[in-house]
Amino acid sequence: SVIIVFRSGAGIAHPLHVHGHKFEVLEEISRPKPNCFGKGLCDLPDLDTGFSAPVSELAKRKKRGVLKDVIIVPAFGAAVVRFNTDNPGVWFVHCHFDEHVDSGQGFVLNEGNWKAKSVFKDFFSCDYTGR
């Protein structure tokens, strides 16, 4: 299984979606102060001390929670999720706000070191060769 810690450094909650999997929420933490609403006005929670236990200990929990494919990460908060790596492929993880996806709030998980059988010659790439 894989553990991911999602964090929001903004004054709004973010609905994060994981394609290809259902995950369980191990724990969430909200903003550390109730009345902080702007960048620089609210410290981000300490990921080592903000949860009820270190993330490495949360990951050892045997009890399974409700399975989800979207989590609302609280404003200036964080969430720890766990999912099984039982669906090899390339999966997109992103915020469900279109403007956030457009500005790059997303990433790709390559589960099982999946590789395409072929790629178009002019297929774009982000590697250092500029191809």
Protein backbone atom coordinates (compact mmCIF):
# COMPACT_ATOMS: atom_id res chain seq x y z
CA SER A 1 0.00 0.00 0.00
CA VAL A 2 0.97 3.66 -0.43
CA ILE A 3 0.60 6.54 2.02
CA ILE A 4 0.12 10.08 0.70
CA VAL A 5 -0.06 13.24 2.79
CA PHE A 6 -2.09 15.95 1.06
CA ARG A 7 -1.63 19.49 2.33
CA SER A 8 -3.44 22.76 1.61
CA GLY A 9 -1.37 25.91 2.01
CA ALA A 10 -4.32 28.06 0.97
CA GLY A 11 -7.26 29.63 2.75
CA ILE A 12 -9.75 27.35 1.00
CA ALA A 13 -10.38 23.64 1.13
CA HIS A 14 -9.33 21.57 -1.90
CA PRO A 15 -11.27 18.57 -3.24
CA LEU A 16 -8.51 16.18 -4.34
CA HIS A 17 -9.36 13.25 -6.58
CA VAL A 18 -7.33 10.08 -7.21
CA HIS A 19 -8.09 8.27 -10.46
CA GLY A 20 -7.92 4.48 -10.63
CA HIS A 21 -8.16 3.86 -6.90
CA LYS A 22 -10.24 4.11 -3.79
CA PHE A 23 -8.36 5.18 -0.68
CA GLU A 24 -9.01 5.32 3.03
CA VAL A 25 -8.57 8.47 5.06
CA LEU A 26 -6.35 7.73 8.04
CA GLU A 27 -6.58 11.20 9.59
CA GLU A 28 -7.16 14.89 8.83
CA ILE A 29 -6.04 18.07 10.56
CA SER A 30 -7.52 21.52 10.13
CA ARG A 31 -6.00 24.98 10.34
CA PRO A 32 -4.02 25.42 13.55
CA LYS A 33 -5.78 28.71 14.47
CA PRO A 34 -9.50 29.36 13.93
CA ASN A 35 -9.26 32.92 12.59
CA CYS A 36 -6.47 32.83 10.05
CA PHE A 37 -7.66 33.30 6.49
CA GLY A 38 -4.82 34.70 4.39
CA LYS A 39 -1.45 33.66 3.07
CA GLY A 40 1.14 34.30 5.73
CA LEU A 41 -1.52 34.78 8.43
CA CYS A 42 -1.90 31.11 9.23
CA ASP A 43 1.00 28.78 9.94
CA LEU A 44 0.76 25.38 8.30
CA PRO A 45 0.35 22.53 10.77
CA ASP A 46 3.50 20.61 11.58
CA LEU A 47 3.19 17.25 9.81
CA ASP A 48 5.39 15.58 12.43
CA THR A 49 3.34 16.71 15.43
CA GLY A 50 -0.04 17.85 14.04
CA PHE A 51 -1.62 14.41 13.69
CA SER A 52 -2.55 12.17 16.63
CA ALA A 53 0.57 10.09 15.85
CA PRO A 54 3.48 10.30 13.41
CA VAL A 55 2.47 9.48 9.82
CA SER A 56 4.63 6.35 9.97
CA GLU A 57 2.49 5.12 12.90
CA LEU A 58 -0.81 6.11 11.23
CA ALA A 59 0.28 3.98 8.27
CA LYS A 60 0.40 0.89 10.52
CA ARG A 61 -3.27 1.11 11.48
CA LYS A 62 -5.05 -2.12 10.69
CA LYS A 63 -8.58 -0.73 10.86
CA ARG A 64 -9.96 0.14 7.44
CA GLY A 65 -11.87 3.35 6.98
CA VAL A 66 -14.48 4.31 4.42
CA LEU A 67 -13.16 4.05 0.87
CA LYS A 68 -13.22 7.27 -1.16
CA ASP A 69 -11.84 8.66 -4.42
CA VAL A 70 -12.15 12.35 -3.42
CA ILE A 71 -11.11 14.02 -0.18
CA ILE A 72 -11.73 17.60 0.87
CA VAL A 73 -8.39 18.74 2.28
CA PRO A 74 -9.18 21.48 4.83
CA ALA A 75 -7.92 25.05 4.35
CA PHE A 76 -4.39 25.29 5.80
CA GLY A 77 -4.82 21.63 6.80
CA ALA A 78 -3.64 18.20 5.75
CA ALA A 79 -4.86 14.64 5.31
CA VAL A 80 -3.18 11.24 5.34
CA VAL A 81 -4.61 8.65 2.95
CA ARG A 82 -3.71 5.03 2.15
CA PHE A 83 -4.47 2.97 -0.93
CA ASN A 84 -3.47 -0.43 -2.25
CA THR A 85 -1.22 -0.63 -5.28
CA ASP A 86 -3.34 -3.20 -7.08
CA ASN A 87 -4.17 -1.38 -10.33
CA PRO A 88 -1.03 -0.85 -12.45
CA GLY A 89 -1.11 2.07 -14.83
CA VAL A 90 -0.66 5.82 -15.04
CA TRP A 91 -3.14 7.62 -12.79
CA PHE A 92 -3.89 11.32 -12.45
CA VAL A 93 -4.30 12.93 -9.01
CA HIS A 94 -5.71 16.45 -9.08
CA CYS A 95 -7.78 19.18 -7.45
CA HIS A 96 -11.37 19.24 -8.69
CA PHE A 97 -11.33 23.03 -9.14
CA ASP A 98 -10.71 23.50 -12.87
CA GLU A 99 -8.61 26.64 -12.39
CA HIS A 100 -6.36 24.74 -9.98
CA VAL A 101 -5.85 21.87 -12.41
CA ASP A 102 -5.10 24.43 -15.15
CA SER A 103 -2.46 26.02 -12.92
CA GLY A 104 -0.74 22.70 -12.24
CA GLN A 105 -2.33 21.38 -9.06
CA GLY A 106 -2.09 17.75 -10.02
CA PHE A 107 0.40 14.97 -10.54
CA VAL A 108 0.68 11.57 -12.17
CA LEU A 109 1.25 8.30 -10.31
CA ASN A 110 2.99 5.61 -12.34
CA GLU A 111 1.96 2.44 -10.56
CA GLY A 112 3.87 -0.72 -11.34
CA ASN A 113 6.38 1.11 -13.56
CA TRP A 114 3.90 1.00 -16.42
CA LYS A 115 5.36 1.76 -19.86
CA ALA A 116 3.57 2.44 -23.12
CA LYS A 117 4.15 -0.13 -25.87
CA SER A 118 4.71 2.70 -28.31
CA VAL A 119 4.71 6.49 -28.28
CA PHE A 120 4.09 8.83 -31.20
CA LYS A 121 7.30 10.34 -32.56
CA ASP A 122 6.07 13.88 -31.86
CA PHE A 123 4.57 13.06 -28.44
CA PHE A 124 5.47 15.84 -25.99
CA SER A 125 7.89 15.20 -23.15
CA CYS A 126 9.03 17.07 -20.08
CA ASP A 127 12.44 15.45 -19.91
CA TYR A 128 15.74 17.30 -20.17
CA THR A 129 16.18 16.56 -23.90
CA GLY A 130 13.32 18.92 -24.76
CA ARG A 131 11.74 16.25 -26.98
